[in-house]
Each structure stands twice: as structure tokens, then as C-alpha cells.
């Protein structure tokens, strides 16, 4: 696999993380704590794989510029300008959420999850849309 193929792979990892997050929500609402924990751990692993591939790609390939024109540009950049800071901010929130669960402090886990979960879902969905806009619908991106 070449570095140029990584965006497709890390977007699949991101989509798999999203699906396991949603599954984890459904499972905990049904009272299936063990299955919830397993699904959320899988989501965490997919997110970690995403992050590793994403960082490797951008360290290897460098910055890419969005090739879209017209109305697609402000839409793309509006998504990007919310996606990136929320992704960075949410990483410690996810860690705190997981640590609270691992330590058995489920009240604290629920409080952190109320903050980290919606951000994680938003970042996952916008990440997929950003990939589609940059690499599929208006791509390939321009190399800097």
C-alpha cells in the first residue's frame, strides 16, 4: 500500500469506529454492558488505527489542498474548521471517558461520555464527508 492510498483506508477505519460507537450506544441503552464495552473498545481501536494512518500520511505526503471550486469551498472549509479542533479537543475527553470506565467509576464515565460521545460522532461523520469532498467528489487534492 502506498501513502497515497492511506486516506481511503483511514476513512474506512473512521467509518468502522463510527459504526461501533453507534452500536455501543444501542447496546448500553439495552443494558448490555459487556457488549457495550467490547463495541466501544473496537471503536477505540479503529480510531487509534485511523489516527496512526492519518498522521503517517500527512507526515509522508504533507499538506494537501482542496481542489473544489465555487460553493464547495466554503462548505468544505466550514466542516474542516470545526472538525480539526473538535478532533484534537476530544482525544483527552475520550481518554478520560475510558479511564473512568476502566476504574469502575461509571457515574464519572457517564458524565464524560455525555461530552465526548457527541463530539466523537460529529468528528467521525465530518471526517468521512471531508474525505469524500477532498478525495472523491472534488479530488484528487492538489499537492503543496
Protein backbone atom coordinates (compact mmCIF):
# COMPACT_ATOMS: atom_id res chain seq x y z
CA UNK A 1 0.00 0.00 0.00
CA UNK A 2 1.31 3.43 -0.89
CA UNK A 3 0.94 6.55 1.21
CA UNK A 4 -1.46 7.96 -1.40
CA UNK A 5 -3.84 5.07 -0.70
CA UNK A 6 -3.98 5.73 3.04
CA UNK A 7 -6.83 8.28 3.03
CA UNK A 8 -9.22 5.62 1.75
CA UNK A 9 -8.03 3.15 4.39
CA UNK A 10 -8.14 5.57 7.30
CA UNK A 11 -11.60 6.69 6.25
CA UNK A 12 -12.75 3.07 6.39
CA UNK A 13 -11.25 2.87 9.90
CA UNK A 14 -13.15 6.05 10.79
CA UNK A 15 -16.42 4.65 9.43
CA UNK A 16 -15.91 1.40 11.36
CA UNK A 17 -15.27 3.41 14.53
CA UNK A 18 -18.49 5.36 13.91
CA UNK A 19 -20.50 2.15 13.44
CA UNK A 20 -19.12 0.70 16.68
CA UNK A 21 -19.85 3.91 18.55
CA UNK A 22 -23.48 3.75 17.42
CA UNK A 23 -23.64 0.02 18.23
CA UNK A 24 -22.14 0.74 21.65
CA UNK A 25 -24.86 3.32 22.34
CA UNK A 26 -27.59 0.87 21.35
CA UNK A 27 -26.07 -1.87 23.50
CA UNK A 28 -25.74 0.23 26.65
CA UNK A 29 -29.31 1.51 26.25
CA UNK A 30 -30.38 -2.16 26.15
CA UNK A 31 -28.45 -2.81 29.34
CA UNK A 32 -25.82 -4.98 27.65
CA UNK A 33 -22.79 -3.59 29.49
CA UNK A 34 -20.24 -6.23 28.40
CA UNK A 35 -21.21 -5.95 24.74
CA UNK A 36 -21.16 -2.15 25.05
CA UNK A 37 -17.63 -2.27 26.44
CA UNK A 38 -16.48 -4.59 23.65
CA UNK A 39 -18.01 -2.41 20.94
CA UNK A 40 -16.54 0.77 22.38
CA UNK A 41 -13.10 -0.84 22.66
CA UNK A 42 -13.33 -1.83 18.99
CA UNK A 43 -14.34 1.78 18.18
CA UNK A 44 -11.33 2.99 20.15
CA UNK A 45 -9.01 0.61 18.27
CA UNK A 46 -10.38 1.73 14.90
CA UNK A 47 -9.96 5.37 15.96
CA UNK A 48 -6.38 4.71 17.04
CA UNK A 49 -5.66 2.99 13.70
CA UNK A 50 -7.23 5.96 11.93
CA UNK A 51 -5.07 8.42 13.83
CA UNK A 52 -1.87 6.47 13.18
CA UNK A 53 -2.58 6.24 9.43
CA UNK A 54 -3.71 9.87 9.25
CA UNK A 55 -0.56 11.16 10.94
CA UNK A 56 1.71 8.91 8.86
CA UNK A 57 0.00 10.09 5.68
CA UNK A 58 0.37 13.78 6.46
CA UNK A 59 3.96 13.40 7.65
CA UNK A 60 4.78 11.47 4.46
CA UNK A 61 2.70 13.27 1.83
CA UNK A 62 2.48 16.64 3.52
CA UNK A 63 -0.25 19.21 3.20
CA UNK A 64 -2.90 18.73 0.52
CA UNK A 65 -5.10 21.49 -0.84
CA UNK A 66 -8.80 21.11 -1.56
CA UNK A 67 -9.39 21.12 -5.33
CA UNK A 68 -13.08 22.06 -5.25
CA UNK A 69 -14.36 25.38 -6.53
CA UNK A 70 -17.41 27.57 -6.02
CA UNK A 71 -19.83 26.79 -3.18
CA UNK A 72 -17.98 23.56 -2.32
CA UNK A 73 -15.07 25.58 -0.89
CA UNK A 74 -16.88 27.39 1.95
CA UNK A 75 -18.79 24.19 2.79
CA UNK A 76 -15.56 22.16 2.89
CA UNK A 77 -13.71 24.72 5.00
CA UNK A 78 -16.66 25.18 7.39
CA UNK A 79 -16.59 21.43 8.04
CA UNK A 80 -12.80 21.39 8.31
CA UNK A 81 -12.60 24.37 10.68
CA UNK A 82 -14.96 22.65 13.12
CA UNK A 83 -13.67 19.12 12.57
CA UNK A 84 -9.98 19.65 13.34
CA UNK A 85 -10.22 21.48 16.69
CA UNK A 86 -13.00 19.21 17.92
CA UNK A 87 -10.94 16.12 16.99
CA UNK A 88 -7.96 17.46 18.93
CA UNK A 89 -10.03 18.53 21.94
CA UNK A 90 -11.93 15.25 22.05
CA UNK A 91 -8.89 12.99 22.29
CA UNK A 92 -8.31 13.69 26.01
CA UNK A 93 -12.08 13.61 26.61
CA UNK A 94 -12.23 10.08 25.15
CA UNK A 95 -9.25 9.05 27.28
CA UNK A 96 -10.93 10.41 30.43
CA UNK A 97 -14.16 8.62 29.50
CA UNK A 98 -12.39 5.29 29.01
CA UNK A 99 -10.27 5.66 32.15
CA UNK A 100 -13.36 6.32 34.27
CA UNK A 101 -14.97 3.13 32.94
CA UNK A 102 -11.80 1.07 33.41
CA UNK A 103 -11.59 2.29 37.01
CA UNK A 104 -15.22 1.32 37.58
CA UNK A 105 -16.35 4.91 38.15
CA UNK A 106 -19.42 4.66 35.96
CA UNK A 107 -21.00 7.90 37.19
CA UNK A 108 -17.91 9.79 36.03
CA UNK A 109 -17.83 7.68 32.85
CA UNK A 110 -21.40 8.72 32.00
CA UNK A 111 -20.60 12.41 32.65
CA UNK A 112 -17.54 12.30 30.37
CA UNK A 113 -19.45 10.29 27.75
CA UNK A 114 -22.16 12.95 27.56
CA UNK A 115 -19.42 15.33 26.42
CA UNK A 116 -17.11 13.08 24.40
CA UNK A 117 -19.70 10.94 22.61
CA UNK A 118 -21.49 13.64 20.56
CA UNK A 119 -18.15 15.18 19.62
CA UNK A 120 -16.76 11.76 18.62
CA UNK A 121 -19.82 11.14 16.44
CA UNK A 122 -19.57 14.60 14.84
CA UNK A 123 -15.85 14.24 14.17
CA UNK A 124 -16.36 10.77 12.67
CA UNK A 125 -19.15 11.88 10.34
CA UNK A 126 -17.44 15.10 9.27
CA UNK A 127 -14.20 13.18 8.71
CA UNK A 128 -15.95 10.90 6.25
CA UNK A 129 -17.57 13.87 4.48
CA UNK A 130 -14.25 15.74 4.35
CA UNK A 131 -12.58 12.69 2.78
CA UNK A 132 -15.36 12.35 0.19
CA UNK A 133 -15.18 16.04 -0.67
CA UNK A 134 -11.38 16.20 -0.85
CA UNK A 135 -10.55 12.84 -2.45
CA UNK A 136 -13.66 11.61 -4.25
CA UNK A 137 -16.19 14.29 -5.20
CA UNK A 138 -13.78 17.17 -5.94
CA UNK A 139 -10.45 15.33 -5.87
CA UNK A 140 -7.79 14.42 -6.14
CA UNK A 141 -6.44 17.09 -3.83
CA UNK A 142 -3.70 19.41 -5.01
CA UNK A 143 -0.25 18.73 -3.57
CA UNK A 144 1.55 21.63 -1.95
